[in-house]
Amino acid sequence: MMIAVINTAMLSERVRAANFRDGDDWHANAAETALMMAVAPEITRPEKFASADDPDRTAGLVFAHPVNRASLNGITGKPSQATLDQGRKLLAWMVEDLAALIEKGKAEVPPLPYSYSNRIADAPASPAKSLT
């Protein structure tokens, strides 16, 4: 059995585009807030959304900085733009795209036909290719 770790924000191009719409470095942005409105509305605070927007200040930086060094209020992005419909749509995409990725993975074959117990040294040498 093989296991993969998937960053759900990067699950597919459409999910990635939704997550990164309001910044490359985000936390509690429009997408994340919308998703929480769809899956756990009891922990969201809609009355605070309108005043919570805080821009991404990390463009062009080399290092990833903790949120307290990049945000005035712990948020990076625009939660004010979040809607329940967007959250439901994003969740549906995530479920659909993860299911497709799992099915693709189930059918995947390794690029070389060796078992986990084969060492590189045990593998047959590949024929030399001519450079001419």
Protein backbone atom coordinates (compact mmCIF):
# COMPACT_ATOMS: atom_id res chain seq x y z
CA MET A 1 0.00 0.00 0.00
CA MET A 2 1.20 3.49 -0.81
CA ILE A 3 0.22 6.66 1.00
CA ALA A 4 0.36 10.21 -0.30
CA VAL A 5 0.09 13.48 1.57
CA ILE A 6 -2.03 15.98 -0.30
CA ASN A 7 -2.24 19.68 0.47
CA THR A 8 -5.98 20.19 0.03
CA ALA A 9 -5.46 23.79 -1.08
CA MET A 10 -3.50 22.45 -4.06
CA LEU A 11 -5.76 19.47 -4.80
CA SER A 12 -6.54 20.60 -8.34
CA GLU A 13 -6.08 23.72 -10.42
CA ARG A 14 -9.61 24.95 -9.76
CA VAL A 15 -9.28 24.40 -5.99
CA ARG A 16 -5.87 26.09 -6.01
CA ALA A 17 -7.22 29.07 -7.97
CA ALA A 18 -10.08 29.51 -5.49
CA ASN A 19 -7.75 29.33 -2.48
CA PHE A 20 -5.14 31.72 -3.85
CA ARG A 21 -7.52 34.26 -5.40
CA ASP A 22 -6.85 36.88 -2.73
CA GLY A 23 -3.15 36.26 -2.05
CA ASP A 24 -0.31 33.77 -2.21
CA ASP A 25 0.05 33.68 1.56
CA TRP A 26 -3.35 33.43 3.16
CA HIS A 27 -5.12 32.49 6.35
CA ALA A 28 -8.88 32.86 6.95
CA ASN A 29 -9.18 34.38 3.47
CA ALA A 30 -12.32 34.31 1.32
CA ALA A 31 -11.97 30.64 0.32
CA GLU A 32 -11.07 29.31 3.75
CA THR A 33 -13.81 31.35 5.40
CA ALA A 34 -16.39 30.23 2.82
CA LEU A 35 -15.36 26.61 3.36
CA MET A 36 -15.78 26.95 7.11
CA MET A 37 -19.20 28.55 6.57
CA ALA A 38 -20.17 25.38 4.69
CA VAL A 39 -18.68 22.75 7.03
CA ALA A 40 -18.66 24.36 10.48
CA PRO A 41 -20.77 27.52 10.48
CA GLU A 42 -21.00 27.52 14.27
CA ILE A 43 -17.33 28.49 14.57
CA THR A 44 -17.44 31.35 12.07
CA ARG A 45 -18.10 34.94 13.10
CA PRO A 46 -19.85 36.61 10.13
CA GLU A 47 -20.33 39.84 12.05
CA LYS A 48 -16.53 40.31 11.93
CA PHE A 49 -15.98 39.48 8.24
CA ALA A 50 -16.49 43.02 6.90
CA SER A 51 -13.73 44.51 9.04
CA ALA A 52 -11.32 41.55 8.97
CA ASP A 53 -9.72 41.92 5.53
CA ASP A 54 -5.94 42.21 5.72
CA PRO A 55 -3.72 42.15 2.61
CA ASP A 56 -1.03 39.64 1.76
CA ARG A 57 2.25 41.38 2.57
CA THR A 58 4.55 38.55 1.51
CA ALA A 59 4.88 39.13 -2.23
CA GLY A 60 8.52 38.92 -3.25
CA LEU A 61 9.78 37.72 0.13
CA VAL A 62 12.25 34.84 0.33
CA PHE A 63 11.13 33.48 3.70
CA ALA A 64 7.77 32.30 4.97
CA HIS A 65 6.96 34.39 8.04
CA PRO A 66 4.58 33.46 10.84
CA VAL A 67 1.21 35.15 10.71
CA ASN A 68 2.05 37.61 13.51
CA ARG A 69 4.84 39.01 11.30
CA ALA A 70 2.69 39.24 8.18
CA SER A 71 -0.79 40.21 9.40
CA LEU A 72 -2.20 42.88 11.69
CA ASN A 73 -5.10 40.71 12.87
CA GLY A 74 -4.16 37.08 12.18
CA ILE A 75 -5.93 37.07 8.82
CA THR A 76 -4.37 37.31 5.39
CA GLY A 77 -6.91 37.75 2.65
CA LYS A 78 -10.48 38.92 2.27
CA PRO A 79 -12.96 37.00 4.42
CA SER A 80 -15.49 39.76 3.66
CA GLN A 81 -15.86 38.22 0.19
CA ALA A 82 -16.79 34.76 1.53
CA THR A 83 -20.25 33.31 0.87
CA LEU A 84 -21.91 30.09 1.89
CA ASP A 85 -22.51 29.19 -1.77
CA GLN A 86 -18.79 29.59 -2.51
CA GLY A 87 -17.97 27.33 0.43
CA ARG A 88 -20.38 24.64 -0.75
CA LYS A 89 -18.99 24.86 -4.27
CA LEU A 90 -15.38 24.65 -3.03
CA LEU A 91 -16.21 21.67 -0.80
CA ALA A 92 -17.91 19.88 -3.71
CA TRP A 93 -14.86 20.50 -5.90
CA MET A 94 -12.54 19.21 -3.18
CA VAL A 95 -14.56 16.00 -2.74
CA GLU A 96 -14.85 15.45 -6.50
CA ASP A 97 -11.20 16.20 -7.22
CA LEU A 98 -9.88 14.13 -4.31
CA ALA A 99 -12.03 11.17 -5.41
CA ALA A 100 -10.63 11.49 -8.94
CA LEU A 101 -7.07 11.70 -7.60
CA ILE A 102 -7.59 8.58 -5.47
CA GLU A 103 -8.95 6.67 -8.47
CA LYS A 104 -5.98 7.81 -10.56
CA GLY A 105 -3.60 6.72 -7.79
CA LYS A 106 -5.24 3.30 -7.49
CA ALA A 107 -4.48 2.65 -11.16
CA GLU A 108 -0.97 4.07 -11.08
CA VAL A 109 2.01 1.88 -11.84
CA PRO A 110 5.53 2.84 -10.82
CA PRO A 111 7.81 4.21 -13.52
CA LEU A 112 10.14 1.20 -13.06
CA PRO A 113 8.95 -2.36 -12.40
CA TYR A 114 10.84 -3.00 -9.16
CA SER A 115 9.44 -4.03 -5.82
CA TYR A 116 10.18 -2.20 -2.59
CA SER A 117 12.68 -4.89 -1.66
CA ASN A 118 14.81 -4.34 -4.77
CA ARG A 119 17.84 -2.20 -4.24
CA ILE A 120 19.14 -0.02 -7.02
CA ALA A 121 22.24 -2.20 -7.20
CA ASP A 122 20.00 -5.27 -7.78
CA ALA A 123 18.17 -3.71 -10.70
CA PRO A 124 19.24 -4.79 -14.16
CA ALA A 125 21.38 -2.24 -15.95
CA SER A 126 19.60 -0.32 -18.63
CA PRO A 127 21.10 -0.49 -22.08
CA ALA A 128 23.44 2.37 -22.90
CA LYS A 129 22.03 4.91 -25.31
CA SER A 130 24.11 6.29 -28.08
CA LEU A 131 24.72 10.02 -28.01
CA THR A 132 25.31 10.15 -31.76
